[in-house]
Protein backbone atom coordinates (compact mmCIF):
# COMPACT_ATOMS: atom_id res chain seq x y z
CA MET A 1 77.71 55.82 -17.98
CA ALA A 2 80.97 57.31 -19.20
CA GLY A 3 80.86 58.43 -22.83
CA PRO A 4 78.00 57.57 -25.17
CA ALA A 5 75.62 55.01 -23.69
CA THR A 6 75.48 51.55 -25.24
CA ALA A 7 72.34 49.61 -26.02
CA GLU A 8 73.18 47.13 -23.28
CA GLU A 9 73.61 49.87 -20.66
CA VAL A 10 70.30 51.44 -21.58
CA GLY A 11 68.60 48.05 -21.60
CA GLN A 12 69.80 47.45 -18.05
CA SER A 13 68.69 50.90 -16.91
CA LEU A 14 65.23 50.35 -18.38
CA ASP A 15 65.10 46.70 -17.24
CA VAL A 16 63.75 45.43 -20.55
CA SER A 17 63.91 42.00 -22.15
CA ARG A 18 66.35 41.05 -24.90
CA GLU A 19 63.47 41.05 -27.38
CA THR A 20 62.43 44.58 -26.39
CA LEU A 21 66.03 45.75 -26.59
CA ASP A 22 66.28 44.34 -30.11
CA ARG A 23 63.14 46.26 -31.11
CA LEU A 24 64.61 49.44 -29.64
CA GLY A 25 67.77 48.72 -31.62
CA ALA A 26 65.76 48.38 -34.82
CA TYR A 27 64.16 51.74 -34.08
CA ALA A 28 67.57 53.34 -33.46
CA GLU A 29 68.93 52.04 -36.76
CA LEU A 30 65.90 53.28 -38.67
CA LEU A 31 66.13 56.70 -37.04
CA GLN A 32 69.76 57.08 -38.08
CA LYS A 33 68.91 56.00 -41.63
CA TRP A 34 66.03 58.45 -42.00
CA GLN A 35 67.94 61.23 -40.25
CA ARG A 36 70.14 61.50 -43.34
CA ARG A 37 67.07 62.54 -45.35
CA ILE A 38 64.86 64.46 -42.93
CA ASN A 39 65.59 66.22 -39.67
CA LEU A 40 63.97 64.00 -37.04
CA VAL A 41 66.19 64.92 -34.07
CA SER A 42 69.03 67.33 -33.41
CA ALA A 43 72.11 66.18 -35.30
CA SER A 44 74.26 66.78 -32.22
CA THR A 45 72.39 64.03 -30.32
CA ILE A 46 72.93 61.19 -32.79
CA ALA A 47 76.33 60.20 -31.37
CA ASP A 48 74.66 59.48 -28.02
CA LEU A 49 71.29 58.37 -29.37
CA TRP A 50 70.72 55.62 -26.82
CA ARG A 51 71.08 57.98 -23.88
CA ARG A 52 69.68 61.19 -25.36
CA HIS A 53 66.56 59.65 -26.84
CA ILE A 54 65.90 56.01 -25.97
CA LEU A 55 66.82 56.18 -22.28
CA ASP A 56 65.40 59.69 -21.97
CA CYS A 57 62.03 58.48 -23.28
CA GLY A 58 61.98 54.92 -21.98
CA GLN A 59 62.44 55.99 -18.37
CA ILE A 60 59.01 57.66 -18.47
CA ALA A 61 57.40 54.21 -18.48
CA ARG A 62 58.04 53.73 -14.77
CA TYR A 63 55.82 56.72 -13.96
CA LEU A 64 52.78 55.66 -15.97
CA PRO A 65 49.65 55.01 -13.92
CA PRO A 66 49.10 51.32 -13.13
CA GLY A 67 46.96 49.64 -15.74
CA ALA A 68 47.26 52.52 -18.24
CA ARG A 69 45.66 51.46 -21.51
CA ASP A 70 45.28 54.71 -23.43
CA ILE A 71 48.29 57.02 -23.74
CA VAL A 72 48.43 60.15 -25.89
CA ASP A 73 51.76 61.57 -27.10
CA LEU A 74 51.49 65.20 -28.19
CA GLY A 75 53.71 66.37 -31.05
CA SER A 76 55.30 62.95 -31.36
CA GLY A 77 57.84 63.87 -34.03
CA ALA A 78 60.12 60.84 -34.36
CA GLY A 79 58.00 58.92 -31.86
CA LEU A 80 59.71 60.41 -28.82
CA PRO A 81 58.54 59.50 -26.28
CA GLY A 82 55.35 57.82 -27.50
CA LEU A 83 56.67 55.12 -29.80
CA ILE A 84 59.45 54.24 -27.35
CA LEU A 85 56.84 53.88 -24.58
CA ALA A 86 54.77 51.60 -26.81
CA ILE A 87 57.80 49.39 -27.46
CA VAL A 88 58.85 49.28 -23.80
CA THR A 89 55.39 48.75 -22.27
CA GLY A 90 53.33 47.08 -25.00
CA THR A 91 50.60 49.61 -24.21
CA ALA A 92 48.63 51.35 -26.96
CA VAL A 93 49.86 54.90 -27.62
CA HIS A 94 48.26 57.56 -29.81
CA LEU A 95 50.95 59.51 -31.68
CA VAL A 96 49.77 62.99 -32.65
CA GLU A 97 51.95 64.57 -35.35
CA SER A 98 51.02 66.98 -38.14
CA ASP A 99 54.18 66.72 -40.27
CA ALA A 100 53.64 64.30 -43.18
CA ARG A 101 57.29 63.20 -43.45
CA LYS A 102 57.53 62.47 -39.74
CA CYS A 103 54.27 60.51 -39.95
CA ALA A 104 55.79 58.45 -42.77
CA PHE A 105 58.71 57.65 -40.49
CA LEU A 106 56.34 56.75 -37.65
CA HIS A 107 54.42 54.33 -39.86
CA GLU A 108 57.64 52.61 -40.93
CA ALA A 109 58.97 52.50 -37.36
CA ALA A 110 55.71 51.02 -36.10
CA ARG A 111 55.75 48.39 -38.86
CA LEU A 112 59.37 47.47 -38.17
CA THR A 113 59.08 47.26 -34.37
CA GLY A 114 55.50 46.05 -34.01
CA ALA A 115 54.78 48.92 -31.62
CA PRO A 116 51.06 49.18 -30.76
CA VAL A 117 50.50 52.76 -31.87
CA LYS A 118 47.84 54.72 -33.71
CA ILE A 119 49.19 57.64 -35.73
CA HIS A 120 47.10 60.79 -36.03
CA ARG A 121 48.33 63.10 -38.78
CA VAL A 122 46.67 66.24 -37.49
CA ARG A 123 47.40 69.38 -35.52
CA ILE A 124 46.79 68.85 -31.81
CA GLU A 125 44.50 71.88 -31.79
CA ASP A 126 42.25 70.20 -34.37
CA LEU A 127 41.64 67.07 -32.31
CA ALA A 128 38.43 66.91 -30.30
CA GLY A 129 40.21 64.78 -27.69
CA TRP A 130 39.03 61.89 -25.55
CA PRO A 131 39.58 60.72 -21.96
CA ALA A 132 43.13 59.34 -21.70
CA ASP A 133 44.95 57.53 -18.92
CA ALA A 134 48.17 59.44 -19.57
CA VAL A 135 49.39 62.32 -21.72
CA THR A 136 53.02 62.86 -22.70
CA GLY A 137 54.92 65.44 -24.69
CA ARG A 138 58.64 66.06 -25.14
CA ALA A 139 60.46 69.13 -26.43
CA LEU A 140 57.15 70.49 -27.68
CA ALA A 141 56.29 73.64 -25.71
CA PRO A 142 56.61 75.32 -22.31
CA LEU A 143 54.48 73.71 -19.60
CA PRO A 144 51.59 76.23 -19.64
CA ARG A 145 51.11 75.60 -23.37
CA LEU A 146 51.46 71.84 -22.90
CA LEU A 147 48.63 71.91 -20.37
CA ASP A 148 46.46 73.88 -22.79
CA LEU A 149 47.04 71.20 -25.42
CA ALA A 150 46.58 68.31 -22.98
CA GLU A 151 43.32 69.64 -21.54
CA ARG A 152 41.15 67.95 -24.20
CA PHE A 153 42.42 64.54 -23.00
CA LEU A 154 42.09 65.11 -19.24
CA ARG A 155 39.65 63.25 -17.01
CA PRO A 156 39.76 62.51 -13.28
CA GLY A 157 42.75 60.22 -12.89
CA THR A 158 44.66 61.30 -16.00
CA ILE A 159 48.42 61.59 -15.45
CA CYS A 160 50.57 64.05 -17.44
CA LEU A 161 54.21 63.06 -17.89
CA PHE A 162 56.51 65.73 -19.27
CA PRO A 163 60.32 65.48 -19.38
CA LYS A 164 61.87 68.89 -18.77
CA GLY A 165 65.32 70.43 -18.50
CA ARG A 166 66.70 72.96 -16.06
CA GLU A 167 63.79 75.31 -16.79
CA ALA A 168 61.27 72.98 -15.11
CA GLY A 169 60.96 75.06 -11.93
CA GLU A 170 60.27 78.28 -13.83
CA GLU A 171 57.68 76.58 -16.03
CA LEU A 172 55.92 75.11 -13.00
CA THR A 173 55.77 78.55 -11.39
CA GLU A 174 54.32 80.07 -14.55
CA SER A 175 51.77 77.25 -14.81
CA THR A 176 50.34 77.94 -11.36
CA LYS A 177 48.94 81.22 -12.70
CA GLY A 178 46.29 79.31 -14.64
CA TRP A 179 46.35 75.73 -13.40
CA MET A 180 46.03 73.68 -10.25
CA MET A 181 47.75 70.29 -10.05
CA ARG A 182 49.57 67.82 -7.87
CA VAL A 183 53.24 67.85 -8.86
CA GLU A 184 55.81 65.09 -8.52
CA ARG A 185 59.30 65.69 -9.88
CA PHE A 186 61.74 62.86 -10.56
CA ALA A 187 65.43 63.12 -11.46
CA SER A 188 66.21 62.15 -15.04
CA LEU A 189 68.41 59.12 -15.69
CA SER A 190 69.65 60.62 -18.94
CA ASP A 191 70.25 64.29 -18.09
CA PRO A 192 71.71 65.48 -14.76
CA SER A 193 69.92 68.82 -15.18
CA GLY A 194 66.65 67.26 -16.28
CA SER A 195 63.59 65.88 -14.54
CA ILE A 196 60.33 64.09 -15.26
CA LEU A 197 57.23 66.00 -14.19
CA ARG A 198 54.36 63.76 -13.12
CA LEU A 199 51.22 65.87 -12.86
CA SER A 200 47.90 64.64 -11.51
CA GLU A 201 44.60 66.23 -10.52
CA VAL A 202 45.23 68.79 -13.27
CA ARG A 203 42.52 71.41 -13.65
CA ARG A 204 42.22 75.07 -14.50
CA SER A 205 42.27 77.52 -11.63
CA ARG A 206 39.00 79.17 -10.80
CA THR A 207 38.92 82.84 -11.70
């Protein structure tokens, strides 16, 4: 894609139906409207919103475990990636976000798009957790901290999906000091320097 990505280009890349693309478009319009009042995403990314946010998040869907029914999105913010995944896949996603204004946006976005989400207005640290099929988190924390936060949702078979930038290798190295895991790394469709980390068999190292 040369220049800012269009909705149609992103729709083709994600291989979604016209109806799903329209719902993603409704989300994009709402985000731009609310962005004028509260800071949901970096202002510099709005001009290329479809690539920087919708494609960046939607591509994660292809790495979800087959039959995933319970997905947890840590620090969801504007619903990235959790609400986008719910729109693209139709799968229930738990959005964990402590900021009241962002939760208000999430409620409105869910109402407008019909996304099957449950919004938890709470700090991640204050959740007891439950066994999840997949855990996501974007632009939230370095990988070692993400794993600390995700631990309360891990069970045998849980997949962690974390989009990362050029620092992914360093974060993986740092994570091996306290964690054991099977790592798969996929090139990002939206960022030439980025990748999607797909982590399985995640457990703390024995000391």
